[in-house]
N, C-alpha and C. Protein backbone atom coordinates (compact mmCIF):
# COMPACT_ATOMS: atom_id res chain seq x y z
N UNK A 1 104.25 108.42 77.93
CA UNK A 1 103.66 107.25 78.11
C UNK A 1 104.46 106.34 79.21
N UNK A 2 105.86 106.51 78.99
CA UNK A 2 106.70 105.60 79.73
C UNK A 2 106.75 105.93 81.27
N UNK A 3 106.32 107.27 81.36
CA UNK A 3 106.22 107.83 82.85
C UNK A 3 104.92 107.12 83.45
N UNK A 4 103.97 106.80 82.61
CA UNK A 4 102.60 106.22 83.21
C UNK A 4 102.83 104.84 83.57
N UNK A 5 103.59 104.07 82.67
CA UNK A 5 103.94 102.64 82.89
C UNK A 5 104.86 102.62 84.24
N UNK A 6 105.63 103.42 84.39
CA UNK A 6 106.64 103.46 85.49
C UNK A 6 105.83 103.75 86.76
N UNK A 7 104.83 104.75 86.59
CA UNK A 7 104.03 105.18 87.69
C UNK A 7 103.23 103.89 88.24
N UNK A 8 102.56 103.41 87.03
CA UNK A 8 101.58 102.22 87.51
C UNK A 8 102.43 100.95 88.09
N UNK A 9 103.69 100.88 87.59
CA UNK A 9 104.43 99.69 88.14
C UNK A 9 104.85 99.97 89.73
N UNK A 10 105.29 101.19 89.88
CA UNK A 10 105.66 101.68 91.32
C UNK A 10 104.45 101.66 92.13
N UNK A 11 103.27 102.14 91.69
CA UNK A 11 102.07 102.09 92.36
C UNK A 11 101.53 100.67 92.91
N UNK A 12 101.76 99.67 91.91
CA UNK A 12 101.20 98.46 92.19
C UNK A 12 102.29 97.77 93.27
N UNK A 13 103.66 97.91 93.01
CA UNK A 13 104.45 97.63 94.08
C UNK A 13 104.39 98.07 95.39
N UNK A 14 103.98 99.34 95.36
CA UNK A 14 103.62 99.94 96.63
C UNK A 14 102.53 99.52 97.41
N UNK A 15 101.32 99.18 96.60
CA UNK A 15 100.27 98.52 97.21
C UNK A 15 100.43 97.01 97.70
N UNK A 16 101.27 96.35 96.96
CA UNK A 16 101.65 94.96 97.45
C UNK A 16 102.46 95.22 98.77
N UNK A 17 103.34 96.01 98.76
CA UNK A 17 104.11 96.25 99.96
C UNK A 17 103.13 96.64 101.25
N UNK A 18 102.30 97.49 100.92
CA UNK A 18 101.47 97.92 101.98
C UNK A 18 100.54 96.74 102.53
N UNK A 19 100.05 95.98 101.53
CA UNK A 19 99.21 94.72 101.95
C UNK A 19 100.05 93.74 102.78
N UNK A 20 101.26 93.59 102.30
CA UNK A 20 102.10 92.67 102.91
C UNK A 20 102.44 93.16 104.44
N UNK A 21 102.61 94.31 104.64
CA UNK A 21 102.89 94.96 105.81
C UNK A 21 101.58 94.90 106.81
N UNK A 22 100.50 95.02 106.15
CA UNK A 22 99.32 94.70 107.07
C UNK A 22 99.10 93.37 107.34
N UNK A 23 99.34 92.46 106.64
CA UNK A 23 99.34 91.06 106.95
C UNK A 23 100.39 90.59 107.99
N UNK A 24 101.68 91.20 107.91
CA UNK A 24 102.54 91.13 108.98
C UNK A 24 101.98 91.73 110.43
N UNK A 25 101.30 92.87 110.19
CA UNK A 25 100.70 93.54 111.44
C UNK A 25 99.71 92.62 112.08
N UNK A 26 98.89 91.95 111.14
CA UNK A 26 97.78 91.05 111.52
C UNK A 26 98.53 89.93 112.18
N UNK A 27 99.59 89.35 111.67
CA UNK A 27 100.11 88.24 112.30
C UNK A 27 100.76 88.52 113.87
N UNK A 28 101.09 89.81 114.03
CA UNK A 28 101.39 90.11 115.44
C UNK A 28 100.34 89.99 116.30
N UNK A 29 99.10 89.88 115.99
CA UNK A 29 97.91 89.79 116.86
C UNK A 29 97.53 88.29 117.23
N UNK A 30 98.23 87.43 116.40
CA UNK A 30 98.03 85.98 116.63
C UNK A 30 99.00 85.38 117.54
N UNK A 31 98.78 84.26 118.05
CA UNK A 31 99.78 83.63 118.90
C UNK A 31 100.87 83.01 118.15
N UNK A 32 102.19 83.53 118.37
CA UNK A 32 103.39 82.99 117.53
C UNK A 32 104.44 82.60 118.66
N UNK A 33 105.27 81.76 118.13
CA UNK A 33 106.30 81.28 118.95
C UNK A 33 107.31 82.31 119.03
N UNK A 34 108.30 82.33 120.04
CA UNK A 34 109.27 83.24 120.22
C UNK A 34 110.17 83.46 119.02
N UNK A 35 110.40 82.35 118.21
CA UNK A 35 111.24 82.67 117.15
C UNK A 35 110.50 83.39 115.87
N UNK A 36 109.23 83.20 115.83
CA UNK A 36 108.49 83.74 114.67
C UNK A 36 108.24 85.19 114.99
N UNK A 37 108.13 85.72 116.39
CA UNK A 37 107.96 87.04 116.62
C UNK A 37 109.04 88.06 115.92
N UNK A 38 110.12 87.57 116.15
CA UNK A 38 111.40 88.45 115.51
C UNK A 38 111.10 88.35 113.90
N UNK A 39 110.85 87.38 113.48
CA UNK A 39 110.75 87.33 111.93
C UNK A 39 109.71 88.25 111.47
N UNK A 40 108.41 88.11 112.18
CA UNK A 40 107.38 88.86 111.60
C UNK A 40 107.64 90.61 111.84
N UNK A 41 108.24 90.73 113.07
CA UNK A 41 108.43 92.23 113.19
C UNK A 41 109.59 92.62 112.21
N UNK A 42 110.48 91.93 111.77
CA UNK A 42 111.50 92.25 110.92
C UNK A 42 110.78 92.39 109.49
N UNK A 43 110.01 91.49 109.09
CA UNK A 43 109.02 91.66 107.87
C UNK A 43 108.31 92.76 107.83
N UNK A 44 107.63 93.12 109.03
CA UNK A 44 106.85 94.42 109.09
C UNK A 44 107.72 95.57 108.75
N UNK A 45 108.70 95.76 109.39
CA UNK A 45 109.57 96.77 109.04
C UNK A 45 110.21 96.89 107.66
N UNK A 46 110.57 95.72 107.24
CA UNK A 46 110.97 95.57 105.81
C UNK A 46 109.93 96.07 104.70
N UNK A 47 108.60 95.74 104.95
CA UNK A 47 107.58 95.93 103.97
C UNK A 47 107.14 97.44 104.01
N UNK A 48 107.29 98.04 105.36
CA UNK A 48 107.00 99.53 105.55
C UNK A 48 108.13 100.28 104.81
N UNK A 49 109.31 99.73 104.89
CA UNK A 49 110.46 100.36 104.24
C UNK A 49 110.21 100.34 102.64
N UNK A 50 109.91 99.13 102.23
CA UNK A 50 109.69 99.10 100.83
C UNK A 50 108.57 99.98 100.18
N UNK A 51 107.50 100.11 101.02
CA UNK A 51 106.40 101.00 100.74
C UNK A 51 106.90 102.52 100.72
N UNK A 52 107.65 102.94 101.73
CA UNK A 52 108.18 104.26 101.61
C UNK A 52 109.19 104.40 100.42
N UNK A 53 109.96 103.55 100.13
CA UNK A 53 110.78 103.52 98.81
C UNK A 53 109.84 103.72 97.61
N UNK A 54 108.78 103.01 97.47
CA UNK A 54 107.84 103.01 96.36
C UNK A 54 107.29 104.35 96.33
N UNK A 55 106.92 104.93 97.49
CA UNK A 55 106.21 106.15 97.63
C UNK A 55 107.32 107.24 97.10
N UNK A 56 108.48 107.13 97.60
CA UNK A 56 109.48 108.16 96.95
C UNK A 56 109.70 108.00 95.63
N UNK A 57 109.74 106.64 94.95
CA UNK A 57 109.92 106.57 93.58
C UNK A 57 108.91 107.16 92.79
N UNK A 58 107.61 107.03 93.41
CA UNK A 58 106.43 107.67 92.50
C UNK A 58 106.60 109.08 92.63
N UNK A 59 107.04 109.71 93.79
CA UNK A 59 107.13 111.22 93.57
C UNK A 59 108.20 111.68 92.66
N UNK A 60 109.40 110.87 92.59
CA UNK A 60 110.38 111.11 91.61
C UNK A 60 109.77 111.01 90.14
N UNK A 61 109.12 110.02 89.92
CA UNK A 61 108.53 109.82 88.51
C UNK A 61 107.56 110.99 88.26
N UNK A 62 106.74 111.39 89.16
CA UNK A 62 105.84 112.50 88.89
C UNK A 62 106.54 113.83 88.68
N UNK A 63 107.65 114.08 89.42
CA UNK A 63 108.30 115.41 89.20
C UNK A 63 108.99 115.30 87.75
N UNK A 64 109.67 114.28 87.48
CA UNK A 64 110.23 114.28 86.06
C UNK A 64 109.05 114.26 85.01
N UNK A 65 107.98 113.66 85.17
CA UNK A 65 106.92 113.82 84.24
C UNK A 65 106.46 115.15 83.99
N UNK A 66 106.28 115.96 85.07
CA UNK A 66 105.88 117.21 84.97
C UNK A 66 106.99 118.05 84.43
N UNK A 67 108.25 117.87 84.60
CA UNK A 67 109.46 118.59 84.19
C UNK A 67 109.37 118.42 82.55
N UNK A 68 109.16 117.17 82.15
CA UNK A 68 109.20 116.93 80.91
C UNK A 68 108.00 117.54 79.96
N UNK A 69 106.97 117.59 80.71
CA UNK A 69 105.77 118.33 79.86
C UNK A 69 106.16 119.84 79.89
N UNK A 70 106.74 120.33 80.87
CA UNK A 70 107.11 121.80 80.72
C UNK A 70 108.14 122.11 79.62
N UNK A 71 109.09 121.16 79.53
CA UNK A 71 110.07 121.25 78.38
C UNK A 71 109.47 121.08 77.19
N UNK A 72 108.59 120.31 76.93
CA UNK A 72 107.79 120.16 75.64
C UNK A 72 107.09 121.36 75.36
N UNK A 73 106.37 121.96 76.11
CA UNK A 73 105.59 123.13 75.93
C UNK A 73 106.47 124.43 75.65
N UNK A 74 107.75 124.62 76.38
CA UNK A 74 108.55 125.68 76.19
C UNK A 74 109.28 125.34 74.79
N UNK A 75 109.53 124.25 74.31
CA UNK A 75 110.31 124.09 73.09
C UNK A 75 109.51 124.50 71.86
N UNK A 76 108.12 124.58 72.14
CA UNK A 76 107.19 124.91 71.02
C UNK A 76 107.23 126.50 70.79
N UNK A 77 107.70 127.24 71.77
CA UNK A 77 107.88 128.68 71.62
C UNK A 77 109.09 128.89 70.94
N UNK A 78 108.78 129.72 69.73
CA UNK A 78 109.95 130.17 68.87
C UNK A 78 110.29 131.59 68.98
N UNK A 79 111.55 131.95 68.77
CA UNK A 79 112.05 133.29 68.76
C UNK A 79 111.63 133.95 67.45
N UNK A 80 111.15 135.25 67.58
CA UNK A 80 110.70 136.07 66.41
C UNK A 80 111.79 136.96 66.05
N UNK A 81 112.94 136.97 66.65
CA UNK A 81 114.08 137.92 66.23
C UNK A 81 114.78 137.37 65.12
């Protein structure tokens, strides 16, 4: 259960980062002052990085979840000797 909550939280965080990166990308198509261009480009890179970190975090959670399920099933096997 704790893995599902963690996966949900990381997934929502990743979706928020991707939407924010899309908004920054859309902002680059509008007319901006020279000071705003650097800020928007930096924010775009930041949100894409946050999305990649969330993606990596979700992969780590999935791998740990699968390993814990295997450990639970192998602990049910008892020795007959």
